[in-house]
Amino acid sequence: MTDKLIRGLGLNDEVRIFALDTTETVNEAVTRHGAYPTAAAALGRTMTATVVLGAMLKGDDKVTVTVEGGGPIGAIVTDADSKGHVRGYVQHPDVHFDLNEHGKLDVRRAVGTNGYLRVAKDIGLKDNFVGSVEIISGELGEDFSYYFYHSEQVPSIVALGVLVNPDNTIKAAGGLIIQVLPSASEETITKLEQVAGDMRPISQMIDDDLSPEQIVNEVLGEDWRKLDEMPVEFECTCSKERFLNAISSIDQSEIKQMIEEDGGAEAVCNFCRNTIWIEKEELEELLN
């Protein structure tokens, strides 16, 4: 099944809904980085939330999420656009731990709880809009919920999940985000609190082959309507031109060293792990 995100309104149009299946997308990233299960779960949860943040934008706007919780996994960096394209990497993809006391991947231990979650939105202005909150959980779903509430003043239920196969491929990944609109009544808010308490893990629902629409049906019943949908996929924007621009900003002596000692330069993209060779002549052009 091709990954997708759906948008909708529910509970008398007093909440907005984002539900998505990101299994293939997360698997692409995890495979490229050779991520171990705990690191894969952390990366997948962050990528899934980033897709939703991107879907909230318009046109050519983009969003970059950085999670730095002080744990052994290091930084998680993901970005997405408004069209469902997302990419991401984790600084130390070989981090893995035994299951936690709940029998689940110990994402909290890998991410850490002494750091921040930062969201930078490039909406075509001179400076990006940047919102940052402290990591309060390390499980990431609660942390994104905390971000929405404290940085964007939008109370939200954020459910993110990733199941990893024994061979380190992704069995199921996805998310459900329900946000309270300003017009919401106390009755609706109470209903959402009940929903949050009763909901089973999102990864379990996807593993049971529930579509995003069926996930919303299970959680909210029939009291919602779908607005639209879009495909979700891993896509990297790296190119030789971007690498040349990056190299042009370093000291000229370092570029000369690349030419004299290596006869060129090898550049590896953090996001997709693709390798691009920069010819000696291309480096000489930068110097000139």
Protein backbone atom coordinates (compact mmCIF):
# COMPACT_ATOMS: atom_id res chain seq x y z
CA MET A 1 0.00 0.00 0.00
CA THR A 2 1.35 3.42 -0.96
CA ASP A 3 1.87 5.76 1.97
CA LYS A 4 -0.55 8.64 2.30
CA LEU A 5 -1.87 11.35 4.60
CA ILE A 6 -5.51 12.32 4.97
CA ARG A 7 -6.96 15.52 6.42
CA GLY A 8 -10.39 15.92 7.95
CA LEU A 9 -12.65 17.66 10.43
CA GLY A 10 -14.48 15.92 13.26
CA LEU A 11 -16.65 16.21 16.36
CA ASN A 12 -19.00 18.83 14.89
CA ASP A 13 -16.07 20.30 12.94
CA GLU A 14 -14.45 21.35 16.22
CA VAL A 15 -11.24 19.38 15.67
CA ARG A 16 -8.96 18.93 12.70
CA ILE A 17 -7.52 15.54 11.90
CA PHE A 18 -4.34 14.27 10.25
CA ALA A 19 -3.95 10.51 9.84
CA LEU A 20 -1.16 8.87 7.88
CA ASP A 21 0.59 5.66 7.00
CA THR A 22 4.35 6.16 6.57
CA THR A 23 5.52 2.54 6.55
CA GLU A 24 7.27 2.53 3.16
CA THR A 25 8.66 6.04 3.65
CA VAL A 26 10.21 5.26 7.02
CA ASN A 27 11.53 1.94 5.72
CA GLU A 28 13.32 3.79 2.91
CA ALA A 29 15.09 6.07 5.39
CA VAL A 30 15.89 3.27 7.85
CA THR A 31 17.33 1.09 5.07
CA ARG A 32 19.48 3.92 3.70
CA HIS A 33 20.94 4.61 7.14
CA GLY A 34 21.17 1.01 8.32
CA ALA A 35 19.37 2.04 11.49
CA TYR A 36 18.97 -0.41 14.37
CA PRO A 37 15.44 -0.90 15.80
CA THR A 38 15.46 1.71 18.60
CA ALA A 39 17.08 4.34 16.39
CA ALA A 40 14.70 3.39 13.57
CA ALA A 41 11.67 3.92 15.80
CA ALA A 42 12.89 7.35 16.91
CA LEU A 43 13.66 8.42 13.35
CA GLY A 44 10.34 7.07 12.04
CA ARG A 45 8.26 8.82 14.69
CA THR A 46 10.01 12.12 14.00
CA MET A 47 9.63 11.79 10.23
CA THR A 48 5.92 11.01 10.60
CA ALA A 49 5.29 14.11 12.72
CA THR A 50 7.33 16.19 10.29
CA VAL A 51 5.12 15.09 7.39
CA VAL A 52 2.12 16.50 9.26
CA LEU A 53 3.93 19.75 10.02
CA GLY A 54 4.73 20.03 6.32
CA ALA A 55 1.11 19.34 5.38
CA MET A 56 0.12 22.37 7.45
CA LEU A 57 2.15 24.60 5.11
CA LYS A 58 1.39 25.94 1.64
CA GLY A 59 3.11 26.22 -1.74
CA ASP A 60 6.89 25.86 -1.59
CA ASP A 61 7.11 26.28 2.19
CA LYS A 62 9.26 23.79 4.09
CA VAL A 63 9.79 22.72 7.68
CA THR A 64 12.85 21.31 9.46
CA VAL A 65 12.63 19.49 12.79
CA THR A 66 15.61 18.93 15.07
CA VAL A 67 15.37 16.69 18.13
CA GLU A 68 18.32 16.80 20.49
CA GLY A 69 17.45 15.12 23.77
CA GLY A 70 20.96 14.46 25.06
CA GLY A 71 20.65 10.68 24.63
CA PRO A 72 23.05 8.29 22.87
CA ILE A 73 21.15 8.56 19.61
CA GLY A 74 22.40 12.12 19.18
CA ALA A 75 20.45 14.53 16.99
CA ILE A 76 17.51 13.57 14.79
CA VAL A 77 17.03 15.91 11.83
CA THR A 78 14.06 15.71 9.44
CA ASP A 79 12.50 18.03 6.91
CA ALA A 80 9.38 18.03 4.77
CA ASP A 81 7.47 20.17 2.30
CA SER A 82 3.76 20.80 1.83
CA LYS A 83 3.44 18.03 -0.77
CA GLY A 84 4.23 15.00 1.38
CA HIS A 85 7.95 14.73 0.64
CA VAL A 86 10.10 14.00 3.68
CA ARG A 87 13.64 12.95 4.52
CA GLY A 88 15.60 12.49 7.72
CA TYR A 89 18.61 11.10 9.50
CA VAL A 90 19.73 10.22 12.98
CA GLN A 91 23.25 11.03 14.16
CA HIS A 92 23.93 7.56 15.61
CA PRO A 93 21.75 5.02 13.76
CA ASP A 94 23.45 2.03 15.42
CA VAL A 95 21.84 2.69 18.84
CA HIS A 96 19.63 -0.09 20.20
CA PHE A 97 18.47 -1.21 23.64
CA ASP A 98 16.48 -4.05 25.14
CA LEU A 99 12.72 -3.52 25.33
CA ASN A 100 11.49 -1.27 28.13
CA GLU A 101 9.27 -2.31 31.04
CA HIS A 102 6.21 -2.06 28.79
CA GLY A 103 7.70 -4.48 26.24
CA LYS A 104 8.29 -1.71 23.69
CA LEU A 105 11.34 -0.20 22.02
CA ASP A 106 13.05 2.10 24.52
CA VAL A 107 12.90 5.28 22.44
CA ARG A 108 12.99 7.50 25.54
CA ARG A 109 16.36 6.07 26.59
CA ALA A 110 17.78 6.54 23.09
CA VAL A 111 16.50 10.09 22.60
CA GLY A 112 17.08 11.35 26.13
CA THR A 113 15.09 13.89 28.13
CA ASN A 114 17.62 16.68 28.54
CA GLY A 115 17.36 18.82 25.43
CA TYR A 116 14.98 20.39 22.96
CA LEU A 117 12.65 19.86 20.02
CA ARG A 118 13.01 22.67 17.47
CA VAL A 119 10.73 23.37 14.50
CA ALA A 120 11.94 25.82 11.84
CA LYS A 121 9.45 26.84 9.14
CA ASP A 122 10.72 28.36 5.90
CA ILE A 123 7.69 30.25 4.63
CA GLY A 124 9.47 32.51 2.16
CA LEU A 125 10.31 35.33 4.57
CA LYS A 126 13.76 36.74 5.29
CA ASP A 127 13.98 34.74 8.53
CA ASN A 128 12.49 31.36 9.36
CA PHE A 129 9.80 30.99 12.00
CA VAL A 130 11.41 28.94 14.78
CA GLY A 131 9.61 27.35 17.71
CA SER A 132 11.49 25.40 20.36
CA VAL A 133 10.41 23.48 23.46
CA GLU A 134 12.14 21.31 26.01
CA ILE A 135 11.99 17.54 25.62
CA ILE A 136 9.56 16.37 28.29
CA SER A 137 9.22 12.69 27.47
CA GLY A 138 11.68 11.40 24.88
CA GLU A 139 8.92 9.19 23.47
CA LEU A 140 8.35 11.97 20.89
CA GLY A 141 4.55 11.79 20.62
CA GLU A 142 4.17 13.64 23.92
CA ASP A 143 6.99 15.98 22.93
CA PHE A 144 5.28 17.03 19.69
CA SER A 145 2.03 17.47 21.60
CA TYR A 146 3.90 19.72 24.03
CA TYR A 147 5.31 21.68 21.07
CA PHE A 148 1.88 22.25 19.52
CA TYR A 149 0.46 23.44 22.81
CA HIS A 150 3.27 25.68 24.01
CA SER A 151 4.68 26.98 20.72
CA GLU A 152 1.56 27.17 18.56
CA GLN A 153 -1.11 27.33 21.29
CA VAL A 154 -3.00 24.39 19.78
CA PRO A 155 -3.99 21.55 22.17
CA SER A 156 -3.32 18.31 20.29
CA ILE A 157 -3.42 14.56 20.61
CA VAL A 158 -0.28 13.20 18.93
CA ALA A 159 0.03 9.43 18.39
CA LEU A 160 3.15 8.22 16.58
CA GLY A 161 4.19 4.60 16.14
CA VAL A 162 6.79 2.39 14.48
CA LEU A 163 7.03 -1.42 14.51
CA VAL A 164 10.35 -2.95 13.44
CA ASN A 165 10.80 -6.43 11.96
CA PRO A 166 13.52 -8.83 13.22
CA ASP A 167 15.56 -7.99 10.09
CA ASN A 168 15.44 -4.25 10.99
CA THR A 169 12.98 -3.37 8.23
CA ILE A 170 9.81 -1.46 9.11
CA LYS A 171 6.68 -3.50 9.68
CA ALA A 172 4.34 -0.57 10.34
CA ALA A 173 4.69 3.19 10.83
CA GLY A 174 2.27 6.07 10.96
CA GLY A 175 0.52 8.64 13.05
CA LEU A 176 -2.67 10.35 14.10
CA ILE A 177 -2.82 14.00 15.15
CA ILE A 178 -6.09 15.55 16.34
CA GLN A 179 -6.05 19.28 17.08
CA VAL A 180 -8.61 21.30 18.99
CA LEU A 181 -9.97 24.29 17.04
CA PRO A 182 -10.76 27.59 18.81
CA SER A 183 -14.51 26.93 18.48
CA ALA A 184 -14.34 23.64 20.41
CA SER A 185 -16.80 23.16 23.27
CA GLU A 186 -15.99 21.72 26.69
CA GLU A 187 -17.92 18.62 25.65
CA THR A 188 -15.61 18.11 22.67
CA ILE A 189 -12.50 18.61 24.79
CA THR A 190 -13.80 16.04 27.30
CA LYS A 191 -14.49 13.63 24.45
CA LEU A 192 -10.91 14.03 23.20
CA GLU A 193 -9.51 13.31 26.64
CA GLN A 194 -11.47 10.06 26.64
CA VAL A 195 -10.27 9.26 23.11
CA ALA A 196 -6.65 9.76 24.16
CA GLY A 197 -7.07 7.36 27.05
CA ASP A 198 -8.85 4.64 25.08
CA MET A 199 -6.83 4.65 21.85
CA ARG A 200 -4.71 1.60 21.10
CA PRO A 201 -1.19 2.05 19.64
CA ILE A 202 -1.22 3.57 16.16
CA SER A 203 1.43 1.13 14.90
CA GLN A 204 -0.81 -1.76 15.96
CA MET A 205 -3.69 -0.35 13.92
CA ILE A 206 -1.49 0.02 10.85
CA ASP A 207 -0.09 -3.48 11.38
CA ASP A 208 -3.72 -4.67 11.35
CA ASP A 209 -3.94 -3.19 7.82
CA LEU A 210 -6.19 -0.30 8.81
CA SER A 211 -6.08 2.57 6.34
CA PRO A 212 -5.78 6.16 7.64
CA GLU A 213 -9.56 6.50 7.14
CA GLN A 214 -10.23 3.33 9.12
CA ILE A 215 -7.93 4.54 11.91
CA VAL A 216 -9.98 7.72 12.27
CA ASN A 217 -13.18 5.63 12.21
CA GLU A 218 -11.88 3.46 15.04
CA VAL A 219 -10.87 6.45 17.15
CA LEU A 220 -13.72 8.90 16.48
CA GLY A 221 -16.50 6.73 15.08
CA GLU A 222 -18.53 8.27 12.27
CA ASP A 223 -18.41 11.84 13.59
CA TRP A 224 -15.87 13.17 11.09
CA ARG A 225 -15.50 14.00 7.41
CA LYS A 226 -12.53 13.69 5.09
CA LEU A 227 -11.33 16.85 3.36
CA ASP A 228 -8.49 15.60 1.16
CA GLU A 229 -5.49 13.30 0.94
CA MET A 230 -1.98 13.30 -0.52
CA PRO A 231 0.77 10.73 -1.10
CA VAL A 232 3.73 10.57 1.28
CA GLU A 233 7.22 9.55 0.16
CA PHE A 234 10.91 9.79 0.97
CA GLU A 235 12.58 12.37 -1.25
CA CYS A 236 15.98 14.00 -0.93
CA THR A 237 16.88 17.34 -2.48
CA CYS A 238 20.66 16.88 -2.45
CA SER A 239 22.61 17.61 -5.66
CA LYS A 240 26.14 18.30 -6.87
CA GLU A 241 25.27 22.00 -7.10
CA ARG A 242 24.31 22.09 -3.42
CA PHE A 243 27.54 20.35 -2.42
CA LEU A 244 29.58 22.80 -4.53
CA ASN A 245 27.84 25.71 -2.83
CA ALA A 246 28.71 24.21 0.56
CA ILE A 247 32.36 23.64 -0.40
CA SER A 248 32.64 27.21 -1.73
CA SER A 249 32.02 28.53 1.78
CA ILE A 250 35.03 26.78 3.36
CA ASP A 251 38.58 28.13 3.52
CA GLN A 252 40.46 28.18 0.20
CA SER A 253 43.40 26.34 1.72
CA GLU A 254 41.14 23.38 2.45
CA ILE A 255 39.88 23.32 -1.13
CA LYS A 256 43.50 23.39 -2.40
CA GLN A 257 44.27 20.47 -0.08
CA MET A 258 41.38 18.48 -1.63
CA ILE A 259 42.79 19.15 -5.08
CA GLU A 260 46.43 18.35 -4.27
CA GLU A 261 45.97 15.35 -1.96
CA ASP A 262 42.78 13.73 -3.23
CA GLY A 263 42.40 14.98 -6.79
CA GLY A 264 38.81 15.96 -6.00
CA ALA A 265 36.31 15.58 -3.17
CA GLU A 266 33.79 12.96 -2.10
CA ALA A 267 30.58 14.33 -0.62
CA VAL A 268 28.06 12.16 1.25
CA CYS A 269 24.53 13.40 1.91
CA ASN A 270 23.50 13.10 5.57
CA PHE A 271 19.86 12.58 4.60
CA CYS A 272 20.00 9.94 1.85
CA ARG A 273 23.60 8.64 2.13
CA ASN A 274 24.17 9.12 -1.61
CA THR A 275 27.78 9.81 -2.54
CA ILE A 276 28.74 12.44 -5.12
CA TRP A 277 32.27 12.90 -6.48
CA ILE A 278 33.42 16.46 -7.12
CA GLU A 279 36.06 16.58 -9.88
CA LYS A 280 39.36 18.42 -9.45
CA GLU A 281 38.42 20.79 -12.26
CA GLU A 282 35.16 21.70 -10.49
CA LEU A 283 37.10 22.55 -7.32
CA GLU A 284 39.56 24.66 -9.32
CA GLU A 285 36.62 26.59 -10.75
CA LEU A 286 35.49 27.40 -7.20
CA LEU A 287 38.93 28.82 -6.42
CA ASN A 288 38.84 31.00 -9.52
